[in-house]
Amino acid sequence: MSVLVGLLAGLASVTLKNIVYFIEVSLEQGILISSNSLYFILPIIGLTLVYLYVKYIHKEQLQHAVSSILFSLSKKKGIIKSKHIYTQLIAAPLTIGFGGSTGLLGPAVASGAAISSNIGRFFHINAKTRSLLIACASAGAIASIFQSPIAAIVFAVEVFSLDFTMLSMLPLLLASISGVLTSYFFLGNEVLFNFTLSENFEVKDTFFYIILGIGTAFASIYFTRMYFGIQKLFSRLKTPKYKLLVGGVSIGIMLYFIPPLYGEGFSFINDLLHGNHIKALGKTPFDSYTTNIWVVIALLFGITIFKAVAMTTTLAAGGAGGIFIPTMVMGSALGNVMAKVINNSGIGFSVSESNFTLIGMAGLIAGVLHAPLTAIFLIAEITGGYELFVPLMITASISYLITRNAIDYTIYTKELARSGSLLTHNKDQSVLTLMKLDDVIETNFKTVYPDMTLGEMLHKSVAKSTRNIFPVVDKNKALVGIVLLDDIREFMFDTSLYENTKVETFMHNAPEHIFYEKDSMQVVMKKFQHSGAWNLPVIKKGQYAGFVSKSKLLTAYRRELINFTG
């Protein structure tokens, strides 16, 4: 099944690449993008087509590709609707082909994940195996796009928080190989980066790679904060039409001044790797000044700044796509800028611009995605060797360490962590994330009312209950307190109190409340720990909904832990 999933995910990746290529070539042959002035129009057309598809066919808001997969793994047992297989194959090419500044990796992974989820459901496999198949699909998709099978496996382990054991490694390996073979079968020896390493690492450049690591760390922090900042700005726009219009015009303006922001940006990276920065920059309003190397440096730094803005604007305006490849574009520009500054500042040092371009990509991937090993192995495989392994480790590790201390979660994981839906390498946290509150709520408690007499409570509730807790609710079923059997034990046989003593005399507040809509299982566990209680009431939509007992919670935790690690 992992071989099948790898092949199909690879096929989805190849299909995405070909559709985007077809759209871009069609627009070029139609002389639509021969003039920069038409950059204002194309993004709006693409975003409008995506909007119409989402509104009338998909009929659901587009979700961030990788984040939606992580959510399905943690809260939906790896179940993904079948329509997500083809939605990404339509929405992403329309977005990117018409100039949207996003990447194809996320949509390819999402489409492959939907394929693997539905294959798993067809064969009735369990949730844990289905989750592994989804990771296999991501490995197959990445291996197909970059033709880098090892990086694909490492990405699946780092991003999907898999345990790197033989049980998971072999299926991932098979899926990754299948994805690469699919790419070779349909695309031959065509590679994204037609580049051969010509300059090896020199020890004297170590200091500059450390500086590059620091620079890519700050760029990663900027990238992440810019993403959430622009998303927040667009959330204030009332309708998708306003978002589309504002986003389309904004992208068009950026493309007019900075053409390399158009689409994914692989050609931009290739041109930088081959030392052709003039071709990489394309036709801009500043062409007459590009004979000055400092103008070139300024324009490349502009790409570093505005790639994050263009990408987030595209996504916030309703477009589809991923963040992985825009991260690489931004990193390549930053690395190339730093090398040019070193070489032209007159300090007597000369460094390889192509090497810095490559390692800049690794630094951004490590920082933005919190995936340093993916960054190291991806760039190593792209270059066809491990000559740059030492500088890759230096830059990627520094970038990751600084970014990880500044930002706890990535673009993929921040919202999931906030809602308690994030799986991590921490087994305890992951098991709690996989648990559901509905599975541990008990409802066989007899409710009583504040104005009920002691006699009524004893005959109608206590005599018929097997529990020693009695929730006290008002006429709207809102919890106003609890009564324990111990609270009334000494008064139970005093019949003189039966008629003139009310329940409100004995009731008291619960030590803690569990709120169904907002409390994650991690929060529930902490409430038990801090309160020392054995039972806590659950409040759902302002009404009493039952109790959770510590014993049932721990039993469910143990069962989920066995399923998770077994």
Protein backbone atom coordinates (compact mmCIF):
# COMPACT_ATOMS: atom_id res chain seq x y z
CA MET A 1 0.00 0.00 0.00
CA SER A 2 2.87 2.39 0.68
CA VAL A 3 4.20 1.72 -2.86
CA LEU A 4 0.74 2.43 -4.31
CA VAL A 5 0.36 5.60 -2.26
CA GLY A 6 3.85 6.78 -3.27
CA LEU A 7 3.08 6.23 -6.96
CA LEU A 8 -0.27 8.05 -6.79
CA ALA A 9 1.13 10.94 -4.74
CA GLY A 10 3.98 11.24 -7.24
CA LEU A 11 1.46 11.23 -10.07
CA ALA A 12 -0.50 14.03 -8.34
CA SER A 13 2.71 16.06 -8.08
CA VAL A 14 3.57 15.54 -11.75
CA THR A 15 0.00 16.47 -12.73
CA LEU A 16 0.18 19.69 -10.71
CA LYS A 17 3.50 20.69 -12.28
CA ASN A 18 2.23 20.01 -15.81
CA ILE A 19 -1.02 21.92 -15.33
CA VAL A 20 0.85 24.97 -14.01
CA TYR A 21 3.35 24.74 -16.87
CA PHE A 22 0.49 24.50 -19.39
CA ILE A 23 -1.22 27.61 -17.98
CA GLU A 24 2.02 29.62 -17.89
CA VAL A 25 3.01 28.63 -21.44
CA SER A 26 -0.51 29.38 -22.71
CA LEU A 27 -0.36 32.86 -21.20
CA GLU A 28 3.12 33.48 -22.64
CA GLN A 29 2.12 32.34 -26.14
CA GLY A 30 -0.97 34.50 -25.92
CA ILE A 31 1.40 37.45 -25.28
CA LEU A 32 -0.44 38.10 -22.07
CA ILE A 33 2.59 38.59 -19.91
CA SER A 34 4.87 40.29 -22.39
CA SER A 35 4.06 43.59 -20.70
CA ASN A 36 4.47 44.24 -17.02
CA SER A 37 1.27 46.29 -17.03
CA LEU A 38 -0.76 43.11 -17.47
CA TYR A 39 0.58 41.78 -14.17
CA PHE A 40 -2.17 43.85 -12.56
CA ILE A 41 -4.84 41.76 -14.26
CA LEU A 42 -3.61 38.17 -14.14
CA PRO A 43 -3.65 37.60 -10.34
CA ILE A 44 -7.22 38.91 -10.14
CA ILE A 45 -8.29 36.53 -12.92
CA GLY A 46 -6.66 33.56 -11.19
CA LEU A 47 -8.10 34.40 -7.77
CA THR A 48 -11.55 34.96 -9.31
CA LEU A 49 -11.49 31.53 -10.94
CA VAL A 50 -10.49 29.95 -7.62
CA TYR A 51 -13.24 31.90 -5.82
CA LEU A 52 -15.89 30.68 -8.29
CA TYR A 53 -14.68 27.09 -8.01
CA VAL A 54 -14.68 27.18 -4.20
CA LYS A 55 -18.10 28.86 -3.98
CA TYR A 56 -20.03 26.76 -6.50
CA ILE A 57 -18.19 23.40 -6.59
CA HIS A 58 -16.00 22.87 -3.53
CA LYS A 59 -18.44 24.70 -1.21
CA GLU A 60 -15.98 24.81 1.69
CA GLN A 61 -13.37 27.33 2.69
CA LEU A 62 -9.91 26.36 1.44
CA GLN A 63 -7.66 25.31 4.31
CA HIS A 64 -3.89 25.51 4.53
CA ALA A 65 -2.76 22.21 3.00
CA VAL A 66 -0.34 20.84 5.61
CA SER A 67 -2.23 22.30 8.61
CA SER A 68 -5.44 20.60 7.48
CA ILE A 69 -3.60 17.26 7.22
CA LEU A 70 -2.16 17.65 10.72
CA PHE A 71 -5.66 18.43 12.03
CA SER A 72 -7.13 15.34 10.36
CA LEU A 73 -4.41 13.21 11.93
CA SER A 74 -5.05 14.54 15.44
CA LYS A 75 -8.83 14.96 15.47
CA LYS A 76 -10.31 12.99 12.56
CA LYS A 77 -8.27 9.77 12.78
CA GLY A 78 -6.67 10.51 9.42
CA ILE A 79 -9.96 10.74 7.52
CA ILE A 80 -9.87 13.25 4.63
CA LYS A 81 -12.74 13.84 2.21
CA SER A 82 -12.20 12.48 -1.30
CA LYS A 83 -12.93 15.85 -2.93
CA HIS A 84 -9.64 17.16 -1.53
CA ILE A 85 -7.88 14.89 -4.04
CA TYR A 86 -8.92 17.00 -7.02
CA THR A 87 -9.56 20.36 -5.34
CA GLN A 88 -5.83 21.01 -4.94
CA LEU A 89 -5.24 19.90 -8.55
CA ILE A 90 -7.59 22.67 -9.69
CA ALA A 91 -7.23 25.54 -7.21
CA ALA A 92 -3.42 25.55 -6.89
CA PRO A 93 -2.61 25.66 -10.65
CA LEU A 94 -5.17 28.44 -11.17
CA THR A 95 -3.58 30.42 -8.35
CA ILE A 96 0.06 29.89 -9.32
CA GLY A 97 -0.38 29.80 -13.12
CA PHE A 98 -1.93 33.27 -13.07
CA GLY A 99 0.82 34.73 -10.92
CA GLY A 100 -0.03 33.79 -7.35
CA SER A 101 3.21 33.76 -5.38
CA THR A 102 2.81 30.40 -3.64
CA GLY A 103 4.26 26.91 -4.04
CA LEU A 104 3.04 23.54 -5.29
CA LEU A 105 4.52 21.36 -2.56
CA GLY A 106 1.71 21.91 -0.05
CA PRO A 107 -1.07 21.18 -2.58
CA ALA A 108 0.82 18.09 -3.83
CA VAL A 109 1.15 16.78 -0.27
CA ALA A 110 -2.54 17.55 0.43
CA SER A 111 -3.73 15.76 -2.70
CA GLY A 112 -1.52 12.75 -1.94
CA ALA A 113 -2.74 12.70 1.67
CA ALA A 114 -6.37 12.64 0.52
CA ILE A 115 -5.57 9.78 -1.86
CA SER A 116 -3.87 7.75 0.89
CA SER A 117 -6.65 8.44 3.41
CA ASN A 118 -9.33 7.19 1.05
CA ILE A 119 -7.28 4.13 0.07
CA GLY A 120 -6.92 3.37 3.78
CA ARG A 121 -10.67 3.70 4.31
CA PHE A 122 -11.37 1.47 1.30
CA PHE A 123 -9.23 -1.30 2.79
CA HIS A 124 -10.63 -0.67 6.31
CA ILE A 125 -7.24 -0.18 7.95
CA ASN A 126 -6.96 1.27 11.45
CA ALA A 127 -6.35 4.94 12.27
CA LYS A 128 -2.68 4.49 13.17
CA THR A 129 -1.82 2.76 9.88
CA ARG A 130 -3.90 5.30 7.98
CA SER A 131 -1.82 8.08 9.56
CA LEU A 132 1.37 6.33 8.47
CA LEU A 133 0.01 6.07 4.91
CA ILE A 134 -0.67 9.82 4.89
CA ALA A 135 2.96 10.42 5.90
CA CYS A 136 3.97 8.04 3.08
CA ALA A 137 1.94 10.15 0.65
CA SER A 138 3.77 13.30 1.73
CA ALA A 139 7.11 11.55 1.26
CA GLY A 140 6.06 10.38 -2.21
CA ALA A 141 4.92 13.87 -3.23
CA ILE A 142 8.11 15.58 -2.03
CA ALA A 143 10.35 12.91 -3.54
CA SER A 144 8.56 13.35 -6.86
CA ILE A 145 8.87 17.16 -6.90
CA PHE A 146 12.49 17.44 -5.75
CA GLN A 147 13.74 13.95 -6.70
CA SER A 148 15.19 13.77 -3.20
CA PRO A 149 13.98 10.58 -1.46
CA ILE A 150 15.95 10.97 1.78
CA ALA A 151 14.76 14.55 2.39
CA ALA A 152 11.21 13.37 1.70
CA ILE A 153 11.43 10.77 4.48
CA VAL A 154 12.99 13.25 6.90
CA PHE A 155 10.23 15.80 6.14
CA ALA A 156 7.54 13.25 6.96
CA VAL A 157 9.23 12.44 10.27
CA GLU A 158 9.87 16.08 11.28
CA VAL A 159 6.58 17.66 10.18
CA PHE A 160 4.19 14.80 10.96
CA SER A 161 5.96 13.91 14.23
CA LEU A 162 6.41 10.23 13.38
CA ASP A 163 8.52 7.90 15.48
CA PHE A 164 11.53 7.05 13.35
CA THR A 165 11.45 3.28 13.74
CA MET A 166 11.76 0.38 11.32
CA LEU A 167 7.97 0.10 11.44
CA SER A 168 7.63 3.56 9.89
CA MET A 169 10.91 3.83 7.98
CA LEU A 170 10.33 0.96 5.54
CA PRO A 171 6.92 2.16 4.27
CA LEU A 172 8.27 5.72 4.02
CA LEU A 173 11.26 4.48 2.07
CA LEU A 174 9.09 2.49 -0.35
CA ALA A 175 6.71 5.42 -0.86
CA SER A 176 9.60 7.83 -1.39
CA ILE A 177 11.25 5.58 -3.98
CA SER A 178 7.89 5.15 -5.74
CA GLY A 179 7.44 8.92 -5.90
CA VAL A 180 10.89 9.41 -7.43
CA LEU A 181 10.30 6.66 -9.99
CA THR A 182 7.00 8.26 -10.98
CA SER A 183 8.78 11.56 -11.57
CA TYR A 184 11.49 9.88 -13.66
CA PHE A 185 8.88 7.97 -15.66
CA PHE A 186 6.90 11.06 -16.66
CA LEU A 187 9.57 13.75 -16.67
CA GLY A 188 12.71 11.77 -17.49
CA ASN A 189 15.93 13.26 -16.12
CA GLU A 190 14.44 16.75 -15.94
CA VAL A 191 15.26 18.28 -12.55
CA LEU A 192 14.10 21.44 -10.80
CA PHE A 193 17.63 22.69 -10.20
CA ASN A 194 19.95 22.00 -13.11
CA PHE A 195 23.05 22.72 -11.10
CA THR A 196 26.35 21.00 -10.41
CA LEU A 197 28.42 21.99 -7.41
CA SER A 198 31.76 23.41 -8.53
CA GLU A 199 33.12 25.04 -5.37
CA ASN A 200 33.56 23.08 -2.16
CA PHE A 201 33.39 24.30 1.42
CA GLU A 202 36.41 26.21 2.66
CA VAL A 203 37.16 26.54 6.38
CA LYS A 204 37.91 30.28 6.03
CA ASP A 205 34.22 30.84 5.11
CA THR A 206 32.92 29.38 8.39
CA PHE A 207 32.39 32.79 10.00
CA PHE A 208 30.27 33.94 7.05
CA TYR A 209 28.11 30.82 7.24
CA ILE A 210 27.51 31.57 10.93
CA ILE A 211 26.43 35.11 9.96
CA LEU A 212 24.21 33.62 7.24
CA GLY A 213 22.61 31.36 9.87
CA ILE A 214 21.83 34.39 12.04
CA GLY A 215 20.52 36.30 9.01
CA THR A 216 18.24 33.47 7.89
CA ALA A 217 16.96 33.12 11.46
CA PHE A 218 15.83 36.76 11.55
CA ALA A 219 14.39 36.35 8.04
CA SER A 220 12.48 33.28 9.25
CA ILE A 221 11.04 35.22 12.18
CA TYR A 222 10.07 38.03 9.80
CA PHE A 223 8.50 35.54 7.37
CA THR A 224 6.37 33.91 10.08
CA ARG A 225 5.23 37.14 11.72
CA MET A 226 4.47 38.73 8.36
CA TYR A 227 2.33 35.71 7.49
CA PHE A 228 0.16 36.00 10.60
CA GLY A 229 0.11 39.80 10.41
CA ILE A 230 -1.24 39.89 6.84
CA GLN A 231 -3.71 37.09 7.60
CA LYS A 232 -5.02 39.17 10.50
CA LEU A 233 -5.38 42.24 8.26
CA PHE A 234 -7.36 40.30 5.64
CA SER A 235 -9.59 38.76 8.31
CA ARG A 236 -11.02 42.27 8.87
CA LEU A 237 -12.36 42.38 5.29
CA LYS A 238 -15.99 41.35 5.43
CA THR A 239 -16.45 39.24 2.30
CA PRO A 240 -14.31 37.00 0.06
CA LYS A 241 -14.92 39.44 -2.82
CA TYR A 242 -13.19 42.27 -0.96
CA LYS A 243 -10.31 39.97 -0.08
CA LEU A 244 -10.02 38.90 -3.71
CA LEU A 245 -10.00 42.47 -5.02
CA VAL A 246 -7.56 43.85 -2.44
CA GLY A 247 -5.30 40.79 -2.73
CA GLY A 248 -5.33 40.71 -6.53
CA VAL A 249 -4.45 44.39 -6.89
CA SER A 250 -1.73 44.16 -4.23
CA ILE A 251 -0.12 41.17 -5.92
CA GLY A 252 -0.33 42.89 -9.31
CA ILE A 253 1.50 45.95 -7.98
CA MET A 254 4.24 43.80 -6.47
CA LEU A 255 4.62 41.79 -9.70
CA TYR A 256 4.93 44.99 -11.73
CA PHE A 257 7.94 46.16 -9.74
CA ILE A 258 9.35 42.71 -8.87
CA PRO A 259 8.54 40.19 -11.68
CA PRO A 260 10.41 37.24 -10.01
CA LEU A 261 7.56 37.11 -7.47
CA TYR A 262 5.39 35.67 -10.26
CA GLY A 263 4.42 32.04 -9.60
CA GLU A 264 6.62 29.61 -7.72
CA GLY A 265 10.05 31.02 -8.49
CA PHE A 266 12.10 27.96 -9.50
CA SER A 267 13.50 29.74 -12.56
CA PHE A 268 14.63 32.58 -10.29
CA ILE A 269 16.56 30.14 -8.08
CA ASN A 270 18.14 28.42 -11.11
CA ASP A 271 19.28 31.74 -12.58
CA LEU A 272 20.90 32.73 -9.28
CA LEU A 273 22.64 29.36 -9.02
CA HIS A 274 24.12 29.91 -12.47
CA GLY A 275 25.26 33.43 -11.62
CA ASN A 276 22.82 35.15 -13.96
CA HIS A 277 21.24 37.69 -11.64
CA ILE A 278 20.08 39.94 -14.48
CA LYS A 279 17.95 37.14 -15.93
CA ALA A 280 16.77 36.24 -12.43
CA LEU A 281 15.48 39.77 -11.85
CA GLY A 282 13.64 39.87 -15.16
CA LYS A 283 12.31 43.04 -16.74
CA THR A 284 11.81 45.70 -14.08
CA PRO A 285 11.35 49.49 -14.06
CA PHE A 286 14.93 49.66 -12.76
CA ASP A 287 16.64 47.92 -15.73
CA SER A 288 18.73 50.96 -16.65
CA TYR A 289 20.38 50.86 -13.21
CA THR A 290 21.24 47.15 -12.97
CA THR A 291 24.79 47.70 -14.21
CA ASN A 292 25.46 48.88 -10.65
CA ILE A 293 25.93 45.78 -8.47
CA TRP A 294 24.51 47.59 -5.42
CA VAL A 295 21.25 48.21 -7.28
CA VAL A 296 21.15 44.48 -8.06
CA ILE A 297 21.77 43.72 -4.38
CA ALA A 298 18.97 46.09 -3.39
CA LEU A 299 16.54 44.46 -5.85
CA LEU A 300 17.44 40.96 -4.64
CA PHE A 301 16.96 42.09 -1.06
CA GLY A 302 13.57 43.45 -2.12
CA ILE A 303 12.65 39.94 -3.24
CA THR A 304 13.72 38.67 0.17
CA ILE A 305 11.37 41.17 1.81
CA PHE A 306 8.40 40.95 -0.54
CA LYS A 307 8.25 37.21 -1.26
CA ALA A 308 6.70 36.62 2.17
CA VAL A 309 4.26 39.51 1.57
CA ALA A 310 3.25 38.27 -1.90
CA MET A 311 2.83 34.68 -0.73
CA THR A 312 0.70 35.53 2.29
CA THR A 313 -1.39 38.02 0.29
CA THR A 314 -2.11 35.31 -2.28
CA LEU A 315 -3.26 32.86 0.39
CA ALA A 316 -5.20 35.45 2.40
CA ALA A 317 -7.02 36.61 -0.74
CA GLY A 318 -8.41 33.11 -1.27
CA GLY A 319 -5.70 31.49 -3.37
CA ALA A 320 -4.33 27.99 -2.91
CA GLY A 321 -0.73 26.92 -2.49
CA GLY A 322 2.05 26.13 -0.06
CA ILE A 323 4.79 27.98 1.80
CA PHE A 324 7.71 25.57 1.31
CA ILE A 325 8.88 26.75 -2.11
CA PRO A 326 8.38 30.49 -1.38
CA THR A 327 10.60 29.86 1.65
CA MET A 328 13.29 28.49 -0.66
CA VAL A 329 12.98 31.47 -3.02
CA MET A 330 13.35 33.92 -0.14
CA GLY A 331 16.32 31.98 1.25
CA SER A 332 18.08 31.82 -2.11
CA ALA A 333 17.75 35.59 -2.56
CA LEU A 334 19.03 36.30 0.96
CA GLY A 335 22.00 33.93 0.57
CA ASN A 336 22.90 35.46 -2.79
CA VAL A 337 22.62 38.99 -1.37
CA MET A 338 24.99 38.17 1.47
CA ALA A 339 27.55 36.61 -0.88
CA LYS A 340 27.41 39.66 -3.19
CA VAL A 341 27.84 42.02 -0.24
CA ILE A 342 30.92 40.07 0.94
CA ASN A 343 32.43 39.95 -2.55
CA ASN A 344 31.85 43.64 -3.35
CA SER A 345 32.46 45.32 -0.02
CA GLY A 346 36.24 45.48 -0.44
CA ILE A 347 37.09 43.54 2.73
CA GLY A 348 39.40 41.16 0.86
CA PHE A 349 37.21 38.05 1.01
CA SER A 350 35.62 36.13 -1.84
CA VAL A 351 32.89 33.49 -1.36
CA SER A 352 30.88 31.26 -3.68
CA GLU A 353 27.59 32.98 -4.56
CA SER A 354 26.00 29.71 -5.69
CA ASN A 355 26.93 27.97 -2.42
CA PHE A 356 25.49 30.83 -0.37
CA THR A 357 22.35 30.73 -2.51
CA LEU A 358 21.89 27.05 -1.70
CA ILE A 359 22.67 27.36 1.99
CA GLY A 360 20.41 30.40 2.32
CA MET A 361 17.55 28.15 1.21
CA ALA A 362 18.46 25.63 3.91
CA GLY A 363 18.56 28.35 6.57
CA LEU A 364 15.05 29.58 5.73
CA ILE A 365 13.59 26.08 5.57
CA ALA A 366 15.11 25.22 8.95
CA GLY A 367 13.84 28.44 10.52
CA VAL A 368 10.38 28.84 8.98
CA LEU A 369 9.36 25.17 9.11
CA HIS A 370 11.40 24.18 12.19
CA ALA A 371 12.76 21.35 10.05
CA PRO A 372 16.58 21.55 10.08
CA LEU A 373 17.20 17.97 8.99
CA THR A 374 14.85 18.34 6.02
CA ALA A 375 16.73 21.49 5.03
CA ILE A 376 20.15 19.82 5.26
CA PHE A 377 19.27 16.66 3.34
CA LEU A 378 17.18 18.46 0.70
CA ILE A 379 19.96 20.84 -0.31
CA ALA A 380 22.54 18.05 -0.10
CA GLU A 381 20.48 15.91 -2.50
CA ILE A 382 19.77 18.83 -4.83
CA THR A 383 23.51 19.43 -5.24
CA GLY A 384 24.10 15.73 -5.86
CA GLY A 385 26.59 15.30 -3.04
CA TYR A 386 27.53 16.10 0.52
CA GLU A 387 30.40 18.52 -0.05
CA LEU A 388 28.39 21.31 1.60
CA PHE A 389 27.24 19.21 4.55
CA VAL A 390 29.30 21.13 7.13
CA PRO A 391 28.12 24.64 6.17
CA LEU A 392 24.58 23.30 5.79
CA MET A 393 24.67 22.00 9.35
CA ILE A 394 26.17 25.27 10.65
CA THR A 395 23.61 27.55 9.01
CA ALA A 396 20.55 25.32 9.43
CA SER A 397 21.21 24.59 13.11
CA ILE A 398 21.85 28.25 14.00
CA SER A 399 18.75 29.37 12.10
CA TYR A 400 16.61 26.72 13.77
CA LEU A 401 17.88 27.38 17.29
CA ILE A 402 17.33 31.14 17.12
CA THR A 403 13.92 30.86 15.45
CA ARG A 404 12.73 28.08 17.74
CA ASN A 405 13.52 30.21 20.79
CA ALA A 406 11.77 33.24 19.30
CA ILE A 407 8.69 31.47 17.87
CA ASP A 408 7.29 28.34 19.51
CA TYR A 409 5.20 27.18 16.55
CA THR A 410 5.39 27.30 12.78
CA ILE A 411 2.88 28.55 10.22
CA TYR A 412 1.72 24.93 9.97
CA THR A 413 1.21 24.40 13.69
CA LYS A 414 0.38 27.65 15.51
CA GLU A 415 -3.42 27.49 15.19
CA LEU A 416 -3.42 23.75 15.88
CA ALA A 417 -1.38 24.23 19.05
CA ARG A 418 -3.72 26.99 20.20
CA SER A 419 -6.74 24.70 19.85
CA GLY A 420 -4.97 21.67 21.39
CA SER A 421 -4.99 19.76 18.09
CA LEU A 422 -1.26 19.41 17.47
CA LEU A 423 0.61 16.11 17.43
CA THR A 424 4.26 16.39 18.48
CA HIS A 425 7.18 14.08 19.25
CA ASN A 426 6.13 14.36 22.91
CA LYS A 427 4.18 11.08 23.32
CA ASP A 428 2.27 12.28 26.38
CA GLN A 429 1.02 15.40 24.61
CA SER A 430 0.24 13.47 21.42
CA VAL A 431 -1.82 10.86 23.25
CA LEU A 432 -3.83 13.58 24.99
CA THR A 433 -4.36 15.31 21.63
CA LEU A 434 -5.73 12.10 20.11
CA MET A 435 -8.20 11.60 22.97
CA LYS A 436 -11.72 12.99 22.73
CA LEU A 437 -13.70 14.48 25.59
CA ASP A 438 -16.89 12.75 24.38
CA ASP A 439 -15.30 9.36 25.10
CA VAL A 440 -14.86 10.05 28.82
CA ILE A 441 -17.99 12.04 29.73
CA GLU A 442 -20.36 10.10 32.03
CA THR A 443 -24.02 11.10 32.21
CA ASN A 444 -25.55 8.60 34.67
CA PHE A 445 -25.85 11.15 37.46
CA LYS A 446 -29.18 12.14 39.04
CA THR A 447 -29.70 15.89 38.91
CA VAL A 448 -31.34 17.83 41.73
CA TYR A 449 -32.64 21.40 42.08
CA PRO A 450 -31.75 24.09 44.65
CA ASP A 451 -35.34 24.38 45.94
CA MET A 452 -35.84 20.61 46.21
CA THR A 453 -36.34 19.39 49.77
CA LEU A 454 -34.01 16.90 51.42
CA GLY A 455 -36.82 14.31 51.43
CA GLU A 456 -37.44 14.72 47.70
CA MET A 457 -33.73 14.44 46.98
CA LEU A 458 -33.41 11.23 49.01
CA HIS A 459 -36.43 9.54 47.43
CA LYS A 460 -36.12 10.75 43.83
CA SER A 461 -32.35 10.88 43.39
CA VAL A 462 -30.26 9.27 46.11
CA ALA A 463 -32.34 6.10 46.33
CA LYS A 464 -32.19 5.61 42.55
CA SER A 465 -28.55 6.52 41.96
CA THR A 466 -25.42 4.41 41.92
CA ARG A 467 -23.19 7.51 42.13
CA ASN A 468 -22.20 9.62 45.11
CA ILE A 469 -22.31 13.00 43.32
CA PHE A 470 -25.47 14.94 42.56
CA PRO A 471 -25.27 17.93 40.19
CA VAL A 472 -27.51 20.83 41.19
CA VAL A 473 -29.07 22.59 38.18
CA ASP A 474 -31.53 25.44 37.72
CA LYS A 475 -34.57 25.47 35.45
CA ASN A 476 -32.33 26.27 32.44
CA LYS A 477 -30.14 23.21 33.19
CA ALA A 478 -27.22 25.44 34.15
CA LEU A 479 -24.99 23.95 36.86
CA VAL A 480 -25.22 25.95 40.10
CA GLY A 481 -23.40 23.55 42.40
CA ILE A 482 -22.91 19.94 43.48
CA VAL A 483 -23.90 17.83 46.47
CA LEU A 484 -21.79 14.89 47.59
CA LEU A 485 -23.23 11.92 49.43
CA ASP A 486 -20.86 12.76 52.27
CA ASP A 487 -22.47 16.22 52.54
CA ILE A 488 -25.85 14.76 53.50
CA ARG A 489 -24.83 11.48 55.12
CA GLU A 490 -25.29 12.65 58.74
CA PHE A 491 -28.72 14.15 57.93
CA MET A 492 -30.16 11.28 55.87
CA PHE A 493 -31.96 9.60 58.76
CA ASP A 494 -33.20 12.73 60.48
CA THR A 495 -36.79 12.79 59.16
CA SER A 496 -37.50 16.13 60.84
CA LEU A 497 -35.30 17.80 58.22
CA TYR A 498 -36.96 16.17 55.20
CA GLU A 499 -39.59 18.87 54.57
CA ASN A 500 -37.99 22.11 55.74
CA THR A 501 -34.40 21.70 54.51
CA LYS A 502 -33.56 22.55 50.90
CA VAL A 503 -30.82 21.15 48.66
CA GLU A 504 -29.25 24.61 48.46
CA THR A 505 -28.35 24.21 52.13
CA PHE A 506 -25.94 21.39 51.31
CA MET A 507 -24.70 22.32 47.85
CA HIS A 508 -21.29 23.85 47.16
CA ASN A 509 -19.21 24.76 44.13
CA ALA A 510 -17.30 22.15 42.19
CA PRO A 511 -13.50 22.44 42.60
CA GLU A 512 -13.17 23.04 38.83
CA HIS A 513 -15.32 23.04 35.70
CA ILE A 514 -14.53 21.50 32.32
CA PHE A 515 -15.75 23.63 29.42
CA TYR A 516 -16.62 21.41 26.46
CA GLU A 517 -16.09 23.98 23.71
CA LYS A 518 -12.69 25.32 24.74
CA ASP A 519 -10.86 22.88 27.06
CA SER A 520 -8.42 20.51 25.38
CA MET A 521 -7.57 17.17 26.98
CA GLN A 522 -4.28 18.68 28.13
CA VAL A 523 -6.23 21.36 30.00
CA VAL A 524 -8.62 18.76 31.43
CA MET A 525 -5.71 16.73 32.77
CA LYS A 526 -4.18 19.85 34.35
CA LYS A 527 -7.49 20.73 36.03
CA PHE A 528 -7.59 17.29 37.65
CA GLN A 529 -3.97 17.66 38.72
CA HIS A 530 -4.41 21.12 40.26
CA SER A 531 -7.81 20.55 41.88
CA GLY A 532 -7.08 17.09 43.30
CA ALA A 533 -10.68 16.12 42.45
CA TRP A 534 -11.82 12.66 41.35
CA ASN A 535 -14.78 13.96 39.36
CA LEU A 536 -15.28 17.26 37.53
CA PRO A 537 -18.48 18.54 35.88
CA VAL A 538 -18.64 19.32 32.15
CA ILE A 539 -20.32 22.51 30.92
CA LYS A 540 -21.55 22.46 27.33
CA LYS A 541 -23.15 25.58 25.83
CA GLY A 542 -23.70 26.91 29.31
CA GLN A 543 -25.55 23.80 30.52
CA TYR A 544 -24.60 20.82 32.65
CA ALA A 545 -23.56 17.90 30.38
CA GLY A 546 -22.13 15.24 32.72
CA PHE A 547 -18.98 14.44 34.68
CA VAL A 548 -15.50 13.23 33.84
CA SER A 549 -13.92 10.92 36.40
CA LYS A 550 -10.19 10.70 36.91
CA SER A 551 -10.28 6.90 36.82
CA LYS A 552 -12.06 6.81 33.44
CA LEU A 553 -9.75 9.50 32.08
CA LEU A 554 -6.62 7.57 33.06
CA THR A 555 -8.06 4.32 31.69
CA ALA A 556 -8.79 6.02 28.35
CA TYR A 557 -5.30 7.57 28.37
CA ARG A 558 -3.67 4.17 28.94
CA ARG A 559 -5.71 2.60 26.14
CA GLU A 560 -4.80 5.40 23.69
CA LEU A 561 -1.13 5.18 24.70
CA ILE A 562 -1.10 1.45 23.89
CA ASN A 563 -2.71 2.13 20.49
CA PHE A 564 -0.29 5.00 19.79
CA THR A 565 2.91 3.15 20.65
CA GLY A 566 1.92 -0.42 19.93
